[in-house]
Amino acid sequence: MPNPYADSPAAVFIRRQTELLAHRKSQREIAHEAGFVNSNLISMFKTGASKVPLDRVPSLARALEVDPAYLMQLALEQAVGKTASVALLEVFGPLTTANEKAWLEEIRDASGQTDPKLTARSRTTLRSIFGR
């Protein structure tokens, strides 16, 4: 019987990320950094034999050197299914990356915590930073 989550985006992503890190970190090191006693769990996540536990996403993301918000989105889909994860994200809003959080904090600080509207002028200024 094939592994139930083998083709899940979470398993595919973890497989790819462990391959990218293989020249610097073993699966055992990744498991240790993530706080897993059994290093075999990383193999189980990669092959889709086991779901990624939601409560371990932050530590696993650090060990895999990936954005925890993105890994949480993938693990959430794996845990509850695509339809339910879409509904959860619709209710709670998009997950915010660490870099996006830094941008938000800077906007809040620069605006004096006034919750400024995104105007045409501010949108143009923002897009010019990124050459768009």
N, C-alpha and C. Protein backbone atom coordinates (compact mmCIF):
# COMPACT_ATOMS: atom_id res chain seq x y z
N MET A 1 0.85 -1.19 0.00
CA MET A 1 0.00 0.00 0.00
C MET A 1 0.89 1.25 0.00
N PRO A 2 0.65 2.16 -0.93
CA PRO A 2 1.48 3.37 -0.99
C PRO A 2 1.24 4.25 0.25
N ASN A 3 2.21 5.10 0.52
CA ASN A 3 2.08 6.01 1.65
C ASN A 3 0.96 7.01 1.37
N PRO A 4 0.08 7.22 2.35
CA PRO A 4 -1.13 8.01 2.10
C PRO A 4 -0.88 9.48 1.74
N TYR A 5 0.24 10.03 2.15
CA TYR A 5 0.50 11.46 1.90
C TYR A 5 1.68 11.67 0.95
N ALA A 6 2.07 10.62 0.22
CA ALA A 6 3.27 10.67 -0.63
C ALA A 6 3.24 11.81 -1.63
N ASP A 7 2.08 12.09 -2.20
CA ASP A 7 1.97 13.14 -3.22
C ASP A 7 1.51 14.48 -2.66
N SER A 8 1.41 14.58 -1.35
CA SER A 8 0.95 15.84 -0.76
C SER A 8 2.01 16.91 -0.98
N PRO A 9 1.58 18.16 -1.15
CA PRO A 9 2.55 19.24 -1.31
C PRO A 9 3.55 19.31 -0.15
N ALA A 10 3.12 18.97 1.06
CA ALA A 10 4.04 19.00 2.21
C ALA A 10 5.15 17.99 2.04
N ALA A 11 4.81 16.76 1.65
CA ALA A 11 5.83 15.72 1.47
C ALA A 11 6.79 16.09 0.35
N VAL A 12 6.25 16.59 -0.75
CA VAL A 12 7.09 16.98 -1.90
C VAL A 12 8.04 18.11 -1.49
N PHE A 13 7.51 19.08 -0.77
CA PHE A 13 8.33 20.22 -0.33
C PHE A 13 9.43 19.77 0.62
N ILE A 14 9.11 18.92 1.58
CA ILE A 14 10.11 18.45 2.54
C ILE A 14 11.17 17.61 1.84
N ARG A 15 10.76 16.78 0.89
CA ARG A 15 11.72 16.01 0.10
C ARG A 15 12.71 16.94 -0.59
N ARG A 16 12.16 17.94 -1.26
CA ARG A 16 13.01 18.88 -2.00
C ARG A 16 13.94 19.64 -1.06
N GLN A 17 13.41 20.10 0.07
CA GLN A 17 14.22 20.90 0.97
C GLN A 17 15.33 20.08 1.63
N THR A 18 15.05 18.84 1.99
CA THR A 18 16.10 18.01 2.58
C THR A 18 17.19 17.72 1.55
N GLU A 19 16.79 17.57 0.28
CA GLU A 19 17.79 17.38 -0.78
C GLU A 19 18.66 18.62 -0.94
N LEU A 20 18.04 19.79 -0.86
CA LEU A 20 18.80 21.04 -0.99
C LEU A 20 19.78 21.23 0.17
N LEU A 21 19.41 20.74 1.34
CA LEU A 21 20.26 20.90 2.52
C LEU A 21 21.25 19.76 2.71
N ALA A 22 21.14 18.71 1.92
CA ALA A 22 21.92 17.49 2.12
C ALA A 22 23.43 17.73 2.17
N HIS A 23 23.91 18.72 1.47
CA HIS A 23 25.35 18.99 1.47
C HIS A 23 25.82 19.62 2.79
N ARG A 24 24.87 20.11 3.61
CA ARG A 24 25.22 20.74 4.88
C ARG A 24 24.66 20.04 6.10
N LYS A 25 23.51 19.34 5.94
CA LYS A 25 22.82 18.74 7.09
C LYS A 25 22.31 17.37 6.74
N SER A 26 22.48 16.46 7.65
CA SER A 26 21.88 15.14 7.48
C SER A 26 20.44 15.18 7.99
N GLN A 27 19.68 14.17 7.63
CA GLN A 27 18.31 14.08 8.15
C GLN A 27 18.33 13.97 9.67
N ARG A 28 19.33 13.30 10.19
CA ARG A 28 19.46 13.18 11.65
C ARG A 28 19.64 14.56 12.28
N GLU A 29 20.47 15.40 11.64
CA GLU A 29 20.69 16.76 12.17
C GLU A 29 19.41 17.60 12.06
N ILE A 30 18.70 17.46 10.96
CA ILE A 30 17.44 18.19 10.79
C ILE A 30 16.46 17.76 11.87
N ALA A 31 16.35 16.46 12.09
CA ALA A 31 15.43 15.95 13.12
C ALA A 31 15.82 16.47 14.50
N HIS A 32 17.11 16.45 14.80
CA HIS A 32 17.59 16.94 16.09
C HIS A 32 17.27 18.42 16.27
N GLU A 33 17.56 19.23 15.23
CA GLU A 33 17.28 20.67 15.29
C GLU A 33 15.78 20.94 15.47
N ALA A 34 14.96 20.08 14.89
CA ALA A 34 13.51 20.26 14.99
C ALA A 34 12.95 19.72 16.31
N GLY A 35 13.80 19.05 17.09
CA GLY A 35 13.36 18.53 18.38
C GLY A 35 12.75 17.15 18.34
N PHE A 36 12.98 16.43 17.25
CA PHE A 36 12.47 15.06 17.14
C PHE A 36 13.52 14.09 17.68
N VAL A 37 13.12 13.20 18.54
CA VAL A 37 14.03 12.20 19.07
C VAL A 37 14.35 11.16 18.00
N ASN A 38 13.33 10.78 17.23
CA ASN A 38 13.48 9.77 16.20
C ASN A 38 13.77 10.45 14.86
N SER A 39 15.00 10.29 14.36
CA SER A 39 15.36 10.93 13.10
C SER A 39 14.62 10.32 11.92
N ASN A 40 14.04 9.14 12.10
CA ASN A 40 13.27 8.49 11.05
C ASN A 40 12.02 9.28 10.68
N LEU A 41 11.57 10.17 11.57
CA LEU A 41 10.38 10.97 11.27
C LEU A 41 10.56 11.82 10.02
N ILE A 42 11.75 12.34 9.81
CA ILE A 42 12.00 13.16 8.62
C ILE A 42 11.76 12.31 7.37
N SER A 43 12.23 11.07 7.37
CA SER A 43 11.96 10.16 6.25
C SER A 43 10.48 9.91 6.09
N MET A 44 9.77 9.77 7.20
CA MET A 44 8.33 9.52 7.15
C MET A 44 7.58 10.72 6.57
N PHE A 45 8.03 11.93 6.88
CA PHE A 45 7.41 13.13 6.31
C PHE A 45 7.71 13.21 4.82
N LYS A 46 8.96 12.92 4.44
CA LYS A 46 9.37 12.97 3.03
C LYS A 46 8.62 11.98 2.16
N THR A 47 8.43 10.81 2.67
CA THR A 47 7.77 9.76 1.88
C THR A 47 6.26 9.82 1.98
N GLY A 48 5.74 10.65 2.88
CA GLY A 48 4.30 10.74 3.05
C GLY A 48 3.72 9.63 3.90
N ALA A 49 4.57 8.92 4.63
CA ALA A 49 4.08 7.87 5.52
C ALA A 49 3.41 8.46 6.75
N SER A 50 3.77 9.69 7.06
CA SER A 50 3.21 10.37 8.23
C SER A 50 2.95 11.83 7.91
N LYS A 51 1.91 12.38 8.52
CA LYS A 51 1.62 13.81 8.38
C LYS A 51 2.59 14.62 9.23
N VAL A 52 2.83 15.84 8.84
CA VAL A 52 3.63 16.76 9.63
C VAL A 52 2.74 17.26 10.77
N PRO A 53 3.15 17.07 12.03
CA PRO A 53 2.32 17.55 13.14
C PRO A 53 2.30 19.08 13.17
N LEU A 54 1.13 19.65 13.23
CA LEU A 54 1.00 21.11 13.17
C LEU A 54 1.76 21.81 14.28
N ASP A 55 1.78 21.22 15.46
CA ASP A 55 2.46 21.88 16.58
C ASP A 55 3.98 21.87 16.44
N ARG A 56 4.50 21.09 15.50
CA ARG A 56 5.95 21.01 15.30
C ARG A 56 6.41 21.78 14.08
N VAL A 57 5.49 22.43 13.38
CA VAL A 57 5.84 23.17 12.17
C VAL A 57 6.89 24.26 12.43
N PRO A 58 6.76 25.09 13.47
CA PRO A 58 7.78 26.14 13.65
C PRO A 58 9.20 25.58 13.81
N SER A 59 9.37 24.56 14.63
CA SER A 59 10.72 24.01 14.83
C SER A 59 11.21 23.28 13.58
N LEU A 60 10.32 22.59 12.89
CA LEU A 60 10.71 21.90 11.66
C LEU A 60 11.09 22.92 10.59
N ALA A 61 10.35 23.99 10.49
CA ALA A 61 10.67 25.04 9.51
C ALA A 61 12.05 25.64 9.78
N ARG A 62 12.35 25.89 11.05
CA ARG A 62 13.69 26.41 11.38
C ARG A 62 14.77 25.42 10.95
N ALA A 63 14.56 24.15 11.26
CA ALA A 63 15.55 23.13 10.92
C ALA A 63 15.70 22.98 9.41
N LEU A 64 14.61 23.13 8.68
CA LEU A 64 14.64 23.01 7.22
C LEU A 64 15.03 24.32 6.54
N GLU A 65 15.14 25.40 7.36
CA GLU A 65 15.51 26.72 6.86
C GLU A 65 14.51 27.23 5.83
N VAL A 66 13.23 27.10 6.17
CA VAL A 66 12.14 27.55 5.31
C VAL A 66 11.21 28.46 6.10
N ASP A 67 10.36 29.14 5.38
CA ASP A 67 9.39 30.02 6.01
C ASP A 67 8.34 29.19 6.75
N PRO A 68 8.15 29.44 8.04
CA PRO A 68 7.18 28.65 8.80
C PRO A 68 5.74 28.84 8.34
N ALA A 69 5.41 30.02 7.84
CA ALA A 69 4.04 30.25 7.37
C ALA A 69 3.73 29.36 6.16
N TYR A 70 4.69 29.23 5.27
CA TYR A 70 4.47 28.40 4.09
C TYR A 70 4.38 26.93 4.48
N LEU A 71 5.28 26.48 5.34
CA LEU A 71 5.24 25.09 5.78
C LEU A 71 3.94 24.80 6.54
N MET A 72 3.47 25.76 7.32
CA MET A 72 2.20 25.58 8.05
C MET A 72 1.05 25.43 7.06
N GLN A 73 1.06 26.21 6.02
CA GLN A 73 0.00 26.11 5.01
C GLN A 73 0.00 24.71 4.38
N LEU A 74 1.17 24.20 4.06
CA LEU A 74 1.26 22.86 3.48
C LEU A 74 0.84 21.79 4.48
N ALA A 75 1.29 21.92 5.73
CA ALA A 75 0.94 20.94 6.76
C ALA A 75 -0.54 20.99 7.10
N LEU A 76 -1.11 22.18 7.07
CA LEU A 76 -2.54 22.34 7.33
C LEU A 76 -3.36 21.63 6.26
N GLU A 77 -2.97 21.81 5.02
CA GLU A 77 -3.66 21.13 3.92
C GLU A 77 -3.55 19.62 4.08
N GLN A 78 -2.38 19.16 4.47
CA GLN A 78 -2.17 17.73 4.68
C GLN A 78 -3.02 17.22 5.84
N ALA A 79 -3.17 18.01 6.87
CA ALA A 79 -3.88 17.60 8.09
C ALA A 79 -5.40 17.57 7.90
N VAL A 80 -5.95 18.58 7.24
CA VAL A 80 -7.41 18.70 7.18
C VAL A 80 -7.98 18.63 5.77
N GLY A 81 -7.12 18.57 4.77
CA GLY A 81 -7.58 18.52 3.39
C GLY A 81 -7.60 19.89 2.75
N LYS A 82 -7.58 19.91 1.44
CA LYS A 82 -7.50 21.16 0.67
C LYS A 82 -8.68 22.08 0.93
N THR A 83 -9.89 21.54 0.88
CA THR A 83 -11.09 22.38 1.04
C THR A 83 -11.13 23.03 2.41
N ALA A 84 -10.87 22.25 3.46
CA ALA A 84 -10.90 22.80 4.82
C ALA A 84 -9.77 23.80 5.03
N SER A 85 -8.59 23.53 4.47
CA SER A 85 -7.48 24.47 4.66
C SER A 85 -7.76 25.79 3.95
N VAL A 86 -8.39 25.73 2.78
CA VAL A 86 -8.77 26.95 2.07
C VAL A 86 -9.78 27.74 2.91
N ALA A 87 -10.74 27.04 3.50
CA ALA A 87 -11.74 27.71 4.34
C ALA A 87 -11.08 28.36 5.56
N LEU A 88 -10.15 27.66 6.19
CA LEU A 88 -9.45 28.23 7.35
C LEU A 88 -8.67 29.47 6.96
N LEU A 89 -7.98 29.42 5.83
CA LEU A 89 -7.22 30.58 5.39
C LEU A 89 -8.14 31.74 5.01
N GLU A 90 -9.33 31.41 4.49
CA GLU A 90 -10.29 32.45 4.16
C GLU A 90 -10.78 33.15 5.42
N VAL A 91 -11.02 32.39 6.46
CA VAL A 91 -11.51 32.95 7.73
C VAL A 91 -10.41 33.74 8.44
N PHE A 92 -9.22 33.16 8.52
CA PHE A 92 -8.14 33.78 9.30
C PHE A 92 -7.20 34.64 8.48
N GLY A 93 -7.37 34.65 7.18
CA GLY A 93 -6.53 35.47 6.33
C GLY A 93 -5.29 34.74 5.89
N PRO A 94 -4.58 35.32 4.95
CA PRO A 94 -3.38 34.66 4.44
C PRO A 94 -2.30 34.58 5.53
N LEU A 95 -1.51 33.54 5.47
CA LEU A 95 -0.40 33.41 6.40
C LEU A 95 0.66 34.42 6.02
N THR A 96 1.30 34.98 7.01
CA THR A 96 2.28 36.04 6.79
C THR A 96 3.68 35.50 7.05
N THR A 97 4.58 35.74 6.11
CA THR A 97 5.96 35.29 6.28
C THR A 97 6.68 36.19 7.27
N ALA A 98 7.83 35.75 7.73
CA ALA A 98 8.64 36.55 8.66
C ALA A 98 9.04 37.88 8.02
N ASN A 99 9.38 37.85 6.73
CA ASN A 99 9.75 39.09 6.04
C ASN A 99 8.56 40.03 5.91
N GLU A 100 7.39 39.48 5.61
CA GLU A 100 6.19 40.31 5.51
C GLU A 100 5.84 40.93 6.86
N LYS A 101 6.03 40.18 7.93
CA LYS A 101 5.78 40.72 9.28
C LYS A 101 6.69 41.91 9.55
N ALA A 102 7.94 41.81 9.13
CA ALA A 102 8.88 42.93 9.32
C ALA A 102 8.41 44.16 8.56
N TRP A 103 7.90 43.96 7.32
CA TRP A 103 7.36 45.08 6.55
C TRP A 103 6.17 45.71 7.28
N LEU A 104 5.27 44.86 7.77
CA LEU A 104 4.09 45.37 8.48
C LEU A 104 4.48 46.17 9.72
N GLU A 105 5.44 45.64 10.46
CA GLU A 105 5.90 46.35 11.67
C GLU A 105 6.49 47.70 11.31
N GLU A 106 7.24 47.74 10.22
CA GLU A 106 7.85 49.01 9.80
C GLU A 106 6.78 50.00 9.34
N ILE A 107 5.78 49.52 8.60
CA ILE A 107 4.67 50.39 8.18
C ILE A 107 3.95 50.95 9.40
N ARG A 108 3.69 50.09 10.37
CA ARG A 108 2.99 50.53 11.58
C ARG A 108 3.82 51.56 12.34
N ASP A 109 5.12 51.31 12.44
CA ASP A 109 5.99 52.25 13.14
C ASP A 109 6.08 53.57 12.38
N ALA A 110 6.30 53.49 11.07
CA ALA A 110 6.44 54.70 10.25
C ALA A 110 5.16 55.54 10.25
N SER A 111 4.01 54.88 10.37
CA SER A 111 2.74 55.61 10.33
C SER A 111 2.29 56.06 11.72
N GLY A 112 3.08 55.75 12.73
CA GLY A 112 2.66 56.11 14.09
C GLY A 112 1.47 55.28 14.54
N GLN A 113 1.39 54.06 14.06
CA GLN A 113 0.31 53.13 14.41
C GLN A 113 -1.08 53.67 14.00
N THR A 114 -1.13 54.39 12.88
CA THR A 114 -2.39 55.01 12.45
C THR A 114 -3.20 54.18 11.47
N ASP A 115 -2.73 53.02 11.06
CA ASP A 115 -3.43 52.17 10.10
C ASP A 115 -3.74 52.92 8.80
N PRO A 116 -2.68 53.33 8.08
CA PRO A 116 -2.89 54.13 6.87
C PRO A 116 -3.54 53.32 5.76
N LYS A 117 -4.36 54.00 4.98
CA LYS A 117 -4.97 53.37 3.80
C LYS A 117 -3.92 53.22 2.71
N LEU A 118 -4.10 52.20 1.90
CA LEU A 118 -3.24 52.03 0.73
C LEU A 118 -3.83 52.89 -0.38
N THR A 119 -3.22 54.01 -0.63
CA THR A 119 -3.68 54.94 -1.66
C THR A 119 -2.98 54.62 -2.97
N ALA A 120 -3.44 55.25 -4.03
CA ALA A 120 -2.79 55.07 -5.34
C ALA A 120 -1.34 55.53 -5.26
N ARG A 121 -1.10 56.63 -4.56
CA ARG A 121 0.27 57.16 -4.44
C ARG A 121 1.16 56.20 -3.65
N SER A 122 0.67 55.68 -2.51
CA SER A 122 1.49 54.77 -1.71
C SER A 122 1.71 53.44 -2.45
N ARG A 123 0.72 53.00 -3.20
CA ARG A 123 0.86 51.78 -4.01
C ARG A 123 1.95 51.98 -5.06
N THR A 124 1.94 53.14 -5.74
CA THR A 124 2.94 53.44 -6.76
C THR A 124 4.33 53.50 -6.14
N THR A 125 4.45 54.13 -4.98
CA THR A 125 5.73 54.22 -4.29
C THR A 125 6.24 52.84 -3.91
N LEU A 126 5.37 52.02 -3.37
CA LEU A 126 5.74 50.66 -2.97
C LEU A 126 6.19 49.84 -4.17
N ARG A 127 5.43 49.93 -5.25
CA ARG A 127 5.77 49.17 -6.45
C ARG A 127 7.10 49.66 -7.04
N SER A 128 7.40 50.93 -6.92
CA SER A 128 8.65 51.44 -7.46
C SER A 128 9.86 50.86 -6.72
N ILE A 129 9.69 50.52 -5.45
CA ILE A 129 10.77 49.88 -4.68
C ILE A 129 11.16 48.56 -5.34
N PHE A 130 10.18 47.87 -5.88
CA PHE A 130 10.41 46.57 -6.50
C PHE A 130 10.53 46.65 -8.01
N GLY A 131 10.62 47.86 -8.54
CA GLY A 131 10.80 48.04 -9.97
C GLY A 131 9.59 47.64 -10.80
N ARG A 132 8.42 47.82 -10.24
CA ARG A 132 7.18 47.43 -10.94
C ARG A 132 6.34 48.64 -11.26
